Amino acid sequence: MAKKFPPGRCIHCTRHFEELTSDHVFPRSWYPDSTPEKMEKWQVPACRKCNNEYGRLEEELLLLLGVCLSNSAFASLGMGARVVKAVDPSRGRNDRDENARLNKGIKLVQSFHPPVKGRPVMTLGGDPSGLAVSIPTKSLKRICEKIIRGTIYLHAERILSDEHEVLCSAVPEAEDALFDLATKKFGATFDRGPGIEVTWARDPERPPCGLFRVVLFGKYVLRGVVMPREKMLPKHD
């Protein structure tokens, strides 16, 4: 059930609104079938514009990430089947919905390609044939930042202001031993079932700054840093 939030600031754009919607930090459609039925899902306040923009982004990413996941693994149980349903024209509510699903399926199949080095997008292997799926780094960074902002709101009761910036890494299957070691050693871990796990190593001297390690579906690792925004120095003639 969607939470009701009083007038206040949107967690994403940080502007004040008299009416706020409930935005799921981890998209509702991304929770695998192994998620406990009665588990409370993370929700945060968001303006309607930001909520709708993230909704479209999350729908697109679900198809790309989903085809790279195991449909039977506990942390991604049923995700593959969910992708198939999303592009199945026979499940359309009307002619328009049928055509939309068909076009999504065609676009998804056309995105498969042999792995190529040097592409300006991330490549995630998941197809037994050796084909890969390209996922825009910008989209992954936006999802990582959304989860970081949501974690800070839920566990520090704070909305990031313009005084801080979020820097995210979108190399979901790369290793960063030093970063991961520091995050795990000094951080606290929060999770919502098997689909998402967030580890936050806070900077005690500069809250809410710190390191973040986000694991999606037990497979994709995203990393982020929250730090004070550098102030522009005055120019001298």
C-alpha atoms as a PDB file:
ATOM      1  CA  MET A   1       0.000   0.000   0.000  1.00  0.00           C
ATOM      2  CA  ALA A   2       1.306   3.440  -0.937  1.00  0.00           C
ATOM      3  CA  LYS A   3       2.288   5.679   1.942  1.00  0.00           C
ATOM      4  CA  LYS A   4       0.892   9.186   2.278  1.00  0.00           C
ATOM      5  CA  PHE A   5       3.409  11.965   2.775  1.00  0.00           C
ATOM      6  CA  PRO A   6       2.685  15.501   4.025  1.00  0.00           C
ATOM      7  CA  PRO A   7       3.767  18.583   2.055  1.00  0.00           C
ATOM      8  CA  GLY A   8       7.528  18.808   1.882  1.00  0.00           C
ATOM      9  CA  ARG A   9      10.548  18.267  -0.342  1.00  0.00           C
ATOM     10  CA  CYS A  10      10.909  15.728  -3.123  1.00  0.00           C
ATOM     11  CA  ILE A  11      13.755  13.340  -2.373  1.00  0.00           C
ATOM     12  CA  HIS A  12      15.044  13.589  -5.959  1.00  0.00           C
ATOM     13  CA  CYS A  13      14.809  17.225  -7.107  1.00  0.00           C
ATOM     14  CA  THR A  14      14.663  18.525  -3.469  1.00  0.00           C
ATOM     15  CA  ARG A  15      12.035  21.151  -4.359  1.00  0.00           C
ATOM     16  CA  HIS A  16       9.083  21.785  -2.043  1.00  0.00           C
ATOM     17  CA  PHE A  17       5.620  20.536  -3.037  1.00  0.00           C
ATOM     18  CA  GLU A  18       2.226  20.754  -1.401  1.00  0.00           C
ATOM     19  CA  GLU A  19       1.418  17.300  -2.776  1.00  0.00           C
ATOM     20  CA  LEU A  20       3.896  14.422  -2.814  1.00  0.00           C
ATOM     21  CA  THR A  21       3.590  10.892  -4.155  1.00  0.00           C
ATOM     22  CA  SER A  22       5.043   7.683  -2.745  1.00  0.00           C
ATOM     23  CA  ASP A  23       8.060   6.403  -4.669  1.00  0.00           C
ATOM     24  CA  HIS A  24       9.488   2.924  -4.097  1.00  0.00           C
ATOM     25  CA  VAL A  25      13.260   3.073  -3.562  1.00  0.00           C
ATOM     26  CA  PHE A  26      13.531  -0.390  -5.108  1.00  0.00           C
ATOM     27  CA  PRO A  27      10.866  -0.512  -7.850  1.00  0.00           C
ATOM     28  CA  ARG A  28       7.857  -2.681  -6.988  1.00  0.00           C
ATOM     29  CA  SER A  29       8.215  -4.658 -10.215  1.00  0.00           C
ATOM     30  CA  TRP A  30      11.852  -5.443  -9.355  1.00  0.00           C
ATOM     31  CA  TYR A  31      11.122  -7.434  -6.200  1.00  0.00           C
ATOM     32  CA  PRO A  32      11.689 -11.131  -7.050  1.00  0.00           C
ATOM     33  CA  ASP A  33       9.103 -13.822  -6.308  1.00  0.00           C
ATOM     34  CA  SER A  34      11.215 -14.906  -3.325  1.00  0.00           C
ATOM     35  CA  THR A  35      10.440 -11.625  -1.504  1.00  0.00           C
ATOM     36  CA  PRO A  36       8.564 -12.311   1.761  1.00  0.00           C
ATOM     37  CA  GLU A  37       4.901 -11.490   1.199  1.00  0.00           C
ATOM     38  CA  LYS A  38       4.478  -9.298   4.284  1.00  0.00           C
ATOM     39  CA  MET A  39       7.788  -7.473   4.006  1.00  0.00           C
ATOM     40  CA  GLU A  40       7.404  -3.700   4.050  1.00  0.00           C
ATOM     41  CA  LYS A  41       8.843  -2.129   0.905  1.00  0.00           C
ATOM     42  CA  TRP A  42      10.922   1.037   1.140  1.00  0.00           C
ATOM     43  CA  GLN A  43       8.946   4.151   0.178  1.00  0.00           C
ATOM     44  CA  VAL A  44      10.021   7.791   0.031  1.00  0.00           C
ATOM     45  CA  PRO A  45       8.375  11.137  -0.856  1.00  0.00           C
ATOM     46  CA  ALA A  46       8.693  12.276  -4.467  1.00  0.00           C
ATOM     47  CA  CYS A  47       7.006  14.817  -6.708  1.00  0.00           C
ATOM     48  CA  ARG A  48       4.828  13.399  -9.467  1.00  0.00           C
ATOM     49  CA  LYS A  49       7.229  14.447 -12.235  1.00  0.00           C
ATOM     50  CA  CYS A  50      10.263  12.725 -10.712  1.00  0.00           C
ATOM     51  CA  ASN A  51       8.205   9.649  -9.810  1.00  0.00           C
ATOM     52  CA  ASN A  52       6.916   9.283 -13.369  1.00  0.00           C
ATOM     53  CA  GLU A  53      10.380   9.796 -14.882  1.00  0.00           C
ATOM     54  CA  TYR A  54      11.887   7.103 -12.691  1.00  0.00           C
ATOM     55  CA  GLY A  55       8.957   4.807 -13.459  1.00  0.00           C
ATOM     56  CA  ARG A  56       9.716   4.924 -17.186  1.00  0.00           C
ATOM     57  CA  LEU A  57      13.438   4.431 -16.573  1.00  0.00           C
ATOM     58  CA  GLU A  58      12.830   1.452 -14.268  1.00  0.00           C
ATOM     59  CA  GLU A  59      10.515  -0.204 -16.777  1.00  0.00           C
ATOM     60  CA  GLU A  60      13.157   0.029 -19.491  1.00  0.00           C
ATOM     61  CA  LEU A  61      15.952  -1.194 -17.234  1.00  0.00           C
ATOM     62  CA  LEU A  62      13.913  -4.142 -15.961  1.00  0.00           C
ATOM     63  CA  LEU A  63      13.779  -5.648 -19.454  1.00  0.00           C
ATOM     64  CA  LEU A  64      17.528  -5.250 -20.006  1.00  0.00           C
ATOM     65  CA  LEU A  65      18.607  -6.469 -16.586  1.00  0.00           C
ATOM     66  CA  GLY A  66      15.988  -9.195 -16.439  1.00  0.00           C
ATOM     67  CA  VAL A  67      17.162 -11.063 -19.531  1.00  0.00           C
ATOM     68  CA  CYS A  68      20.592 -11.384 -17.895  1.00  0.00           C
ATOM     69  CA  LEU A  69      19.241 -12.904 -14.677  1.00  0.00           C
ATOM     70  CA  SER A  70      18.560 -16.489 -13.737  1.00  0.00           C
ATOM     71  CA  ASN A  71      14.826 -17.096 -13.512  1.00  0.00           C
ATOM     72  CA  SER A  72      15.372 -19.766 -10.826  1.00  0.00           C
ATOM     73  CA  ALA A  73      18.069 -18.186  -8.615  1.00  0.00           C
ATOM     74  CA  PHE A  74      16.712 -17.204  -5.188  1.00  0.00           C
ATOM     75  CA  ALA A  75      17.747 -13.540  -5.476  1.00  0.00           C
ATOM     76  CA  SER A  76      16.154 -13.154  -8.922  1.00  0.00           C
ATOM     77  CA  LEU A  77      13.391 -15.763  -8.735  1.00  0.00           C
ATOM     78  CA  GLY A  78      10.816 -15.255 -11.480  1.00  0.00           C
ATOM     79  CA  MET A  79      12.432 -12.165 -13.007  1.00  0.00           C
ATOM     80  CA  GLY A  80      12.981 -13.807 -16.383  1.00  0.00           C
ATOM     81  CA  ALA A  81       9.353 -14.875 -16.573  1.00  0.00           C
ATOM     82  CA  ARG A  82       8.332 -11.321 -15.678  1.00  0.00           C
ATOM     83  CA  VAL A  83      10.249  -9.974 -18.661  1.00  0.00           C
ATOM     84  CA  VAL A  84       8.554 -12.477 -20.978  1.00  0.00           C
ATOM     85  CA  LYS A  85       5.129 -11.399 -19.692  1.00  0.00           C
ATOM     86  CA  ALA A  86       5.999  -7.726 -20.166  1.00  0.00           C
ATOM     87  CA  VAL A  87       6.620  -8.196 -23.898  1.00  0.00           C
ATOM     88  CA  ASP A  88       3.852 -10.754 -24.548  1.00  0.00           C
ATOM     89  CA  PRO A  89       1.274  -9.117 -26.878  1.00  0.00           C
ATOM     90  CA  SER A  90      -1.397 -11.655 -25.895  1.00  0.00           C
ATOM     91  CA  ARG A  91      -1.425 -10.110 -22.414  1.00  0.00           C
ATOM     92  CA  GLY A  92      -2.279  -6.667 -23.749  1.00  0.00           C
ATOM     93  CA  ARG A  93      -5.373  -4.976 -22.328  1.00  0.00           C
ATOM     94  CA  ASN A  94      -6.266  -3.462 -25.707  1.00  0.00           C
ATOM     95  CA  ASP A  95      -4.850  -2.979 -29.213  1.00  0.00           C
ATOM     96  CA  ARG A  96      -2.615  -0.141 -28.081  1.00  0.00           C
ATOM     97  CA  ASP A  97      -1.179  -2.184 -25.219  1.00  0.00           C
ATOM     98  CA  GLU A  98      -0.642  -5.186 -27.514  1.00  0.00           C
ATOM     99  CA  ASN A  99       1.338  -3.063 -29.982  1.00  0.00           C
ATOM    100  CA  ALA A 100       3.370  -1.493 -27.171  1.00  0.00           C
ATOM    101  CA  ARG A 101       4.331  -4.911 -25.806  1.00  0.00           C
ATOM    102  CA  LEU A 102       5.211  -6.173 -29.283  1.00  0.00           C
ATOM    103  CA  ASN A 103       7.440  -3.161 -29.940  1.00  0.00           C
ATOM    104  CA  LYS A 104       9.151  -3.627 -26.578  1.00  0.00           C
ATOM    105  CA  GLY A 105       9.916  -7.227 -27.446  1.00  0.00           C
ATOM    106  CA  ILE A 106      11.290  -6.340 -30.863  1.00  0.00           C
ATOM    107  CA  LYS A 107      13.444  -3.582 -29.386  1.00  0.00           C
ATOM    108  CA  LEU A 108      14.741  -5.930 -26.707  1.00  0.00           C
ATOM    109  CA  VAL A 109      15.730  -8.657 -29.187  1.00  0.00           C
ATOM    110  CA  GLN A 110      17.411  -6.081 -31.412  1.00  0.00           C
ATOM    111  CA  SER A 111      19.541  -4.986 -28.449  1.00  0.00           C
ATOM    112  CA  PHE A 112      21.307  -8.376 -28.277  1.00  0.00           C
ATOM    113  CA  HIS A 113      24.817  -8.285 -29.743  1.00  0.00           C
ATOM    114  CA  PRO A 114      28.201  -9.996 -29.497  1.00  0.00           C
ATOM    115  CA  PRO A 115      30.354  -8.501 -26.725  1.00  0.00           C
ATOM    116  CA  VAL A 116      32.339  -5.563 -28.063  1.00  0.00           C
ATOM    117  CA  LYS A 117      35.055  -3.719 -26.195  1.00  0.00           C
ATOM    118  CA  GLY A 118      35.063   0.032 -26.107  1.00  0.00           C
ATOM    119  CA  ARG A 119      31.315   0.513 -26.398  1.00  0.00           C
ATOM    120  CA  PRO A 120      29.913   3.615 -24.604  1.00  0.00           C
ATOM    121  CA  VAL A 121      27.499   1.390 -22.697  1.00  0.00           C
ATOM    122  CA  MET A 122      27.849  -1.410 -20.193  1.00  0.00           C
ATOM    123  CA  THR A 123      27.693  -4.970 -21.457  1.00  0.00           C
ATOM    124  CA  LEU A 124      26.221  -7.671 -19.252  1.00  0.00           C
ATOM    125  CA  GLY A 125      26.543 -11.251 -20.382  1.00  0.00           C
ATOM    126  CA  GLY A 126      23.656 -13.582 -19.640  1.00  0.00           C
ATOM    127  CA  ASP A 127      22.749 -15.388 -22.794  1.00  0.00           C
ATOM    128  CA  PRO A 128      24.017 -19.003 -23.234  1.00  0.00           C
ATOM    129  CA  SER A 129      24.685 -18.182 -26.895  1.00  0.00           C
ATOM    130  CA  GLY A 130      27.336 -15.698 -25.827  1.00  0.00           C
ATOM    131  CA  LEU A 131      25.288 -12.649 -26.814  1.00  0.00           C
ATOM    132  CA  ALA A 132      25.251  -9.611 -24.564  1.00  0.00           C
ATOM    133  CA  VAL A 133      22.845  -6.827 -23.677  1.00  0.00           C
ATOM    134  CA  SER A 134      23.908  -3.195 -23.645  1.00  0.00           C
ATOM    135  CA  ILE A 135      22.763  -1.072 -20.724  1.00  0.00           C
ATOM    136  CA  PRO A 136      23.360   2.703 -20.658  1.00  0.00           C
ATOM    137  CA  THR A 137      25.670   3.738 -17.846  1.00  0.00           C
ATOM    138  CA  LYS A 138      23.591   6.878 -17.293  1.00  0.00           C
ATOM    139  CA  SER A 139      20.537   4.777 -16.417  1.00  0.00           C
ATOM    140  CA  LEU A 140      22.464   2.610 -13.959  1.00  0.00           C
ATOM    141  CA  LYS A 141      23.967   5.684 -12.291  1.00  0.00           C
ATOM    142  CA  ARG A 142      20.511   7.225 -11.870  1.00  0.00           C
ATOM    143  CA  ILE A 143      19.178   4.067 -10.233  1.00  0.00           C
ATOM    144  CA  CYS A 144      22.210   3.908  -7.946  1.00  0.00           C
ATOM    145  CA  GLU A 145      21.732   7.541  -6.911  1.00  0.00           C
ATOM    146  CA  LYS A 146      18.030   6.975  -6.293  1.00  0.00           C
ATOM    147  CA  ILE A 147      18.756   4.055  -3.968  1.00  0.00           C
ATOM    148  CA  ILE A 148      21.436   6.051  -2.135  1.00  0.00           C
ATOM    149  CA  ARG A 149      19.111   9.018  -1.611  1.00  0.00           C
ATOM    150  CA  GLY A 150      16.396   6.664  -0.419  1.00  0.00           C
ATOM    151  CA  THR A 151      18.712   4.918   2.033  1.00  0.00           C
ATOM    152  CA  ILE A 152      19.787   8.227   3.541  1.00  0.00           C
ATOM    153  CA  TYR A 153      16.186   9.364   3.895  1.00  0.00           C
ATOM    154  CA  LEU A 154      15.045   6.130   5.520  1.00  0.00           C
ATOM    155  CA  HIS A 155      17.986   5.543   7.832  1.00  0.00           C
ATOM    156  CA  ALA A 156      19.168   9.079   8.592  1.00  0.00           C
ATOM    157  CA  GLU A 157      15.843  10.902   8.148  1.00  0.00           C
ATOM    158  CA  ARG A 158      17.479  13.374   5.821  1.00  0.00           C
ATOM    159  CA  ILE A 159      16.999  14.619   2.254  1.00  0.00           C
ATOM    160  CA  LEU A 160      20.264  15.501   0.539  1.00  0.00           C
ATOM    161  CA  SER A 161      20.571  19.181  -0.278  1.00  0.00           C
ATOM    162  CA  ASP A 162      22.592  20.975  -2.947  1.00  0.00           C
ATOM    163  CA  GLU A 163      25.462  21.058  -0.467  1.00  0.00           C
ATOM    164  CA  HIS A 164      26.155  17.400  -1.238  1.00  0.00           C
ATOM    165  CA  GLU A 165      26.665  15.467  -4.446  1.00  0.00           C
ATOM    166  CA  VAL A 166      26.329  11.787  -5.272  1.00  0.00           C
ATOM    167  CA  LEU A 167      28.947  10.159  -7.490  1.00  0.00           C
ATOM    168  CA  CYS A 168      28.092   6.686  -8.783  1.00  0.00           C
ATOM    169  CA  SER A 169      30.028   3.987 -10.582  1.00  0.00           C
ATOM    170  CA  ALA A 170      28.118   1.981 -13.176  1.00  0.00           C
ATOM    171  CA  VAL A 171      30.328  -1.057 -13.737  1.00  0.00           C
ATOM    172  CA  PRO A 172      27.971  -3.622 -12.181  1.00  0.00           C
ATOM    173  CA  GLU A 173      30.124  -6.711 -12.552  1.00  0.00           C
ATOM    174  CA  ALA A 174      33.556  -5.156 -12.035  1.00  0.00           C
ATOM    175  CA  GLU A 175      35.561  -5.648  -8.872  1.00  0.00           C
ATOM    176  CA  ASP A 176      36.841  -2.921  -6.582  1.00  0.00           C
ATOM    177  CA  ALA A 177      38.473  -4.785  -3.719  1.00  0.00           C
ATOM    178  CA  LEU A 178      39.616  -1.727  -1.742  1.00  0.00           C
ATOM    179  CA  PHE A 179      36.260   0.047  -1.965  1.00  0.00           C
ATOM    180  CA  ASP A 180      34.318  -3.102  -1.070  1.00  0.00           C
ATOM    181  CA  LEU A 181      36.633  -3.904   1.852  1.00  0.00           C
ATOM    182  CA  ALA A 182      36.244  -0.429   3.338  1.00  0.00           C
ATOM    183  CA  THR A 183      32.476  -0.418   2.854  1.00  0.00           C
ATOM    184  CA  LYS A 184      31.976  -3.837   4.436  1.00  0.00           C
ATOM    185  CA  LYS A 185      34.375  -3.192   7.323  1.00  0.00           C
ATOM    186  CA  PHE A 186      32.973   0.171   8.375  1.00  0.00           C
ATOM    187  CA  GLY A 187      29.446  -0.006   7.011  1.00  0.00           C
ATOM    188  CA  ALA A 188      25.995  -1.159   8.056  1.00  0.00           C
ATOM    189  CA  THR A 189      23.935  -3.307   5.702  1.00  0.00           C
ATOM    190  CA  PHE A 190      20.249  -2.799   4.939  1.00  0.00           C
ATOM    191  CA  ASP A 191      18.191  -5.111   2.754  1.00  0.00           C
ATOM    192  CA  ARG A 192      14.660  -5.668   1.522  1.00  0.00           C
ATOM    193  CA  GLY A 193      14.584  -9.367   0.857  1.00  0.00           C
ATOM    194  CA  PRO A 194      16.919 -11.089  -1.585  1.00  0.00           C
ATOM    195  CA  GLY A 195      16.511  -8.531  -4.392  1.00  0.00           C
ATOM    196  CA  ILE A 196      18.428  -5.608  -2.935  1.00  0.00           C
ATOM    197  CA  GLU A 197      21.172  -5.063  -0.393  1.00  0.00           C
ATOM    198  CA  VAL A 198      22.691  -1.697   0.503  1.00  0.00           C
ATOM    199  CA  THR A 199      25.829  -1.237   2.614  1.00  0.00           C
ATOM    200  CA  TRP A 200      26.499   2.278   3.882  1.00  0.00           C
ATOM    201  CA  ALA A 201      29.817   3.232   5.491  1.00  0.00           C
ATOM    202  CA  ARG A 202      29.080   6.615   7.058  1.00  0.00           C
ATOM    203  CA  ASP A 203      31.605   9.383   7.572  1.00  0.00           C
ATOM    204  CA  PRO A 204      31.066  10.209  11.283  1.00  0.00           C
ATOM    205  CA  GLU A 205      32.564  13.669  10.893  1.00  0.00           C
ATOM    206  CA  ARG A 206      30.593  14.690   7.817  1.00  0.00           C
ATOM    207  CA  PRO A 207      27.104  13.154   7.849  1.00  0.00           C
ATOM    208  CA  PRO A 208      25.489  12.051   5.610  1.00  0.00           C
ATOM    209  CA  CYS A 209      28.676  11.537   3.582  1.00  0.00           C
ATOM    210  CA  GLY A 210      30.050   8.058   3.058  1.00  0.00           C
ATOM    211  CA  LEU A 211      30.524   5.055   0.801  1.00  0.00           C
ATOM    212  CA  PHE A 212      27.681   2.985  -0.625  1.00  0.00           C
ATOM    213  CA  ARG A 213      27.685  -0.505  -2.090  1.00  0.00           C
ATOM    214  CA  VAL A 214      24.413  -1.564  -3.758  1.00  0.00           C
ATOM    215  CA  VAL A 215      23.818  -5.196  -4.778  1.00  0.00           C
ATOM    216  CA  LEU A 216      20.883  -5.900  -7.109  1.00  0.00           C
ATOM    217  CA  PHE A 217      19.478  -9.424  -7.439  1.00  0.00           C
ATOM    218  CA  GLY A 218      22.558 -10.858  -5.757  1.00  0.00           C
ATOM    219  CA  LYS A 219      24.509 -10.227  -8.961  1.00  0.00           C
ATOM    220  CA  TYR A 220      24.950  -6.598  -9.998  1.00  0.00           C
ATOM    221  CA  VAL A 221      27.124  -4.414  -7.777  1.00  0.00           C
ATOM    222  CA  LEU A 222      26.895  -0.625  -8.025  1.00  0.00           C
ATOM    223  CA  ARG A 223      29.001   1.769  -5.956  1.00  0.00           C
ATOM    224  CA  GLY A 224      28.559   5.363  -4.916  1.00  0.00           C
ATOM    225  CA  VAL A 225      30.037   8.121  -2.802  1.00  0.00           C
ATOM    226  CA  VAL A 226      28.262  11.016  -1.095  1.00  0.00           C
ATOM    227  CA  MET A 227      30.531  13.986  -0.509  1.00  0.00           C
ATOM    228  CA  PRO A 228      30.343  17.748   0.096  1.00  0.00           C
ATOM    229  CA  ARG A 229      29.863  19.656  -3.119  1.00  0.00           C
ATOM    230  CA  GLU A 230      32.896  21.733  -3.985  1.00  0.00           C
ATOM    231  CA  LYS A 231      32.088  25.405  -3.735  1.00  0.00           C
ATOM    232  CA  MET A 232      33.102  27.613  -6.615  1.00  0.00           C
ATOM    233  CA  LEU A 233      35.906  29.942  -5.599  1.00  0.00           C
ATOM    234  CA  PRO A 234      35.412  33.630  -6.458  1.00  0.00           C
ATOM    235  CA  LYS A 235      37.242  34.750  -9.558  1.00  0.00           C
ATOM    236  CA  HIS A 236      39.903  37.423  -9.239  1.00  0.00           C
ATOM    237  CA  ASP A 237      40.741  39.890 -11.989  1.00  0.00           C
END
